[in-house]
Amino acid sequence: MLSRMSNKEVVDSYIRAVELKLDQDFICMLEKELSRRGINTEEVKG
């Protein structure tokens, strides 16, 4: 599923999941996908 999403969609999903304090396993899954794509979550958080 995540592999079909654009970088922007994954980043937006990650930001929203953190804001909403969603399940940590879900956030971790998004972090792993961002890392796989070479996107640093520290840069995403701003």
N, C-alpha and C. Protein backbone atom coordinates (compact mmCIF):
# COMPACT_ATOMS: atom_id res chain seq x y z
N MET A 1 0.82 -1.19 0.00
CA MET A 1 0.00 0.00 0.00
C MET A 1 0.86 1.26 0.00
N LEU A 2 1.82 1.35 0.92
CA LEU A 2 2.65 2.55 1.00
C LEU A 2 3.49 2.74 -0.26
N SER A 3 3.86 1.65 -0.90
CA SER A 3 4.70 1.77 -2.09
C SER A 3 3.96 2.45 -3.23
N ARG A 4 2.65 2.46 -3.18
CA ARG A 4 1.85 3.10 -4.24
C ARG A 4 1.64 4.59 -3.98
N MET A 5 1.98 5.03 -2.78
CA MET A 5 1.77 6.43 -2.42
C MET A 5 2.96 7.27 -2.86
N SER A 6 2.70 8.52 -3.20
CA SER A 6 3.77 9.45 -3.55
C SER A 6 4.51 9.86 -2.28
N ASN A 7 5.71 10.41 -2.46
CA ASN A 7 6.46 10.90 -1.30
C ASN A 7 5.64 11.90 -0.51
N LYS A 8 4.97 12.80 -1.22
CA LYS A 8 4.17 13.83 -0.55
C LYS A 8 3.05 13.20 0.27
N GLU A 9 2.41 12.20 -0.26
CA GLU A 9 1.33 11.53 0.46
C GLU A 9 1.84 10.86 1.73
N VAL A 10 3.00 10.21 1.64
CA VAL A 10 3.56 9.55 2.83
C VAL A 10 3.98 10.60 3.86
N VAL A 11 4.61 11.67 3.41
CA VAL A 11 5.03 12.74 4.33
C VAL A 11 3.80 13.36 5.00
N ASP A 12 2.78 13.68 4.22
CA ASP A 12 1.56 14.27 4.78
C ASP A 12 0.90 13.32 5.78
N SER A 13 0.88 12.04 5.45
CA SER A 13 0.30 11.04 6.35
C SER A 13 1.09 10.96 7.65
N TYR A 14 2.39 11.01 7.54
CA TYR A 14 3.25 10.95 8.72
C TYR A 14 3.01 12.17 9.62
N ILE A 15 3.01 13.34 9.04
CA ILE A 15 2.80 14.57 9.81
C ILE A 15 1.44 14.52 10.51
N ARG A 16 0.43 14.12 9.81
CA ARG A 16 -0.92 14.07 10.38
C ARG A 16 -1.01 13.01 11.48
N ALA A 17 -0.39 11.87 11.27
CA ALA A 17 -0.41 10.80 12.28
C ALA A 17 0.26 11.26 13.57
N VAL A 18 1.36 11.99 13.44
CA VAL A 18 2.05 12.51 14.63
C VAL A 18 1.17 13.55 15.32
N GLU A 19 0.58 14.45 14.54
CA GLU A 19 -0.28 15.49 15.12
C GLU A 19 -1.45 14.88 15.89
N LEU A 20 -2.02 13.81 15.33
CA LEU A 20 -3.19 13.18 15.94
C LEU A 20 -2.82 12.15 17.00
N LYS A 21 -1.51 11.96 17.18
CA LYS A 21 -1.02 10.98 18.17
C LYS A 21 -1.63 9.61 17.92
N LEU A 22 -1.57 9.18 16.65
CA LEU A 22 -2.10 7.87 16.30
C LEU A 22 -1.20 6.77 16.85
N ASP A 23 -1.60 5.54 16.66
CA ASP A 23 -0.88 4.38 17.15
C ASP A 23 0.61 4.44 16.79
N GLN A 24 1.46 4.19 17.77
CA GLN A 24 2.91 4.29 17.56
C GLN A 24 3.40 3.30 16.50
N ASP A 25 2.77 2.13 16.41
CA ASP A 25 3.17 1.16 15.39
C ASP A 25 2.92 1.71 13.98
N PHE A 26 1.81 2.43 13.82
CA PHE A 26 1.49 3.03 12.53
C PHE A 26 2.50 4.12 12.18
N ILE A 27 2.82 4.96 13.15
CA ILE A 27 3.80 6.02 12.94
C ILE A 27 5.16 5.41 12.60
N CYS A 28 5.53 4.35 13.29
CA CYS A 28 6.79 3.67 13.03
C CYS A 28 6.83 3.11 11.60
N MET A 29 5.72 2.56 11.15
CA MET A 29 5.63 2.04 9.79
C MET A 29 5.86 3.16 8.77
N LEU A 30 5.27 4.32 9.03
CA LEU A 30 5.47 5.46 8.14
C LEU A 30 6.92 5.95 8.18
N GLU A 31 7.51 5.97 9.38
CA GLU A 31 8.92 6.37 9.51
C GLU A 31 9.84 5.44 8.72
N LYS A 32 9.57 4.14 8.78
CA LYS A 32 10.38 3.17 8.03
C LYS A 32 10.25 3.40 6.53
N GLU A 33 9.04 3.69 6.08
CA GLU A 33 8.83 3.95 4.65
C GLU A 33 9.54 5.23 4.22
N LEU A 34 9.47 6.25 5.05
CA LEU A 34 10.18 7.49 4.73
C LEU A 34 11.68 7.24 4.67
N SER A 35 12.19 6.50 5.61
CA SER A 35 13.61 6.17 5.63
C SER A 35 14.00 5.38 4.38
N ARG A 36 13.17 4.42 4.00
CA ARG A 36 13.42 3.63 2.79
C ARG A 36 13.52 4.53 1.56
N ARG A 37 12.76 5.60 1.56
CA ARG A 37 12.75 6.54 0.44
C ARG A 37 13.83 7.61 0.57
N GLY A 38 14.58 7.56 1.66
CA GLY A 38 15.65 8.53 1.86
C GLY A 38 15.18 9.86 2.38
N ILE A 39 14.03 9.88 3.01
CA ILE A 39 13.47 11.12 3.56
C ILE A 39 13.67 11.09 5.07
N ASN A 40 14.33 12.12 5.58
CA ASN A 40 14.66 12.23 7.01
C ASN A 40 13.45 12.75 7.77
N THR A 41 13.00 12.00 8.78
CA THR A 41 11.82 12.43 9.54
C THR A 41 12.08 13.69 10.35
N GLU A 42 13.31 13.95 10.71
CA GLU A 42 13.63 15.19 11.43
C GLU A 42 13.40 16.41 10.56
N GLU A 43 13.68 16.29 9.28
CA GLU A 43 13.43 17.39 8.34
C GLU A 43 11.94 17.58 8.12
N VAL A 44 11.21 16.48 8.12
CA VAL A 44 9.76 16.51 7.90
C VAL A 44 9.07 17.21 9.06
N LYS A 45 9.53 16.94 10.29
CA LYS A 45 8.91 17.51 11.47
C LYS A 45 9.07 19.02 11.52
N GLY A 46 10.11 19.52 10.85
CA GLY A 46 10.31 20.95 10.80
C GLY A 46 10.95 21.43 12.00
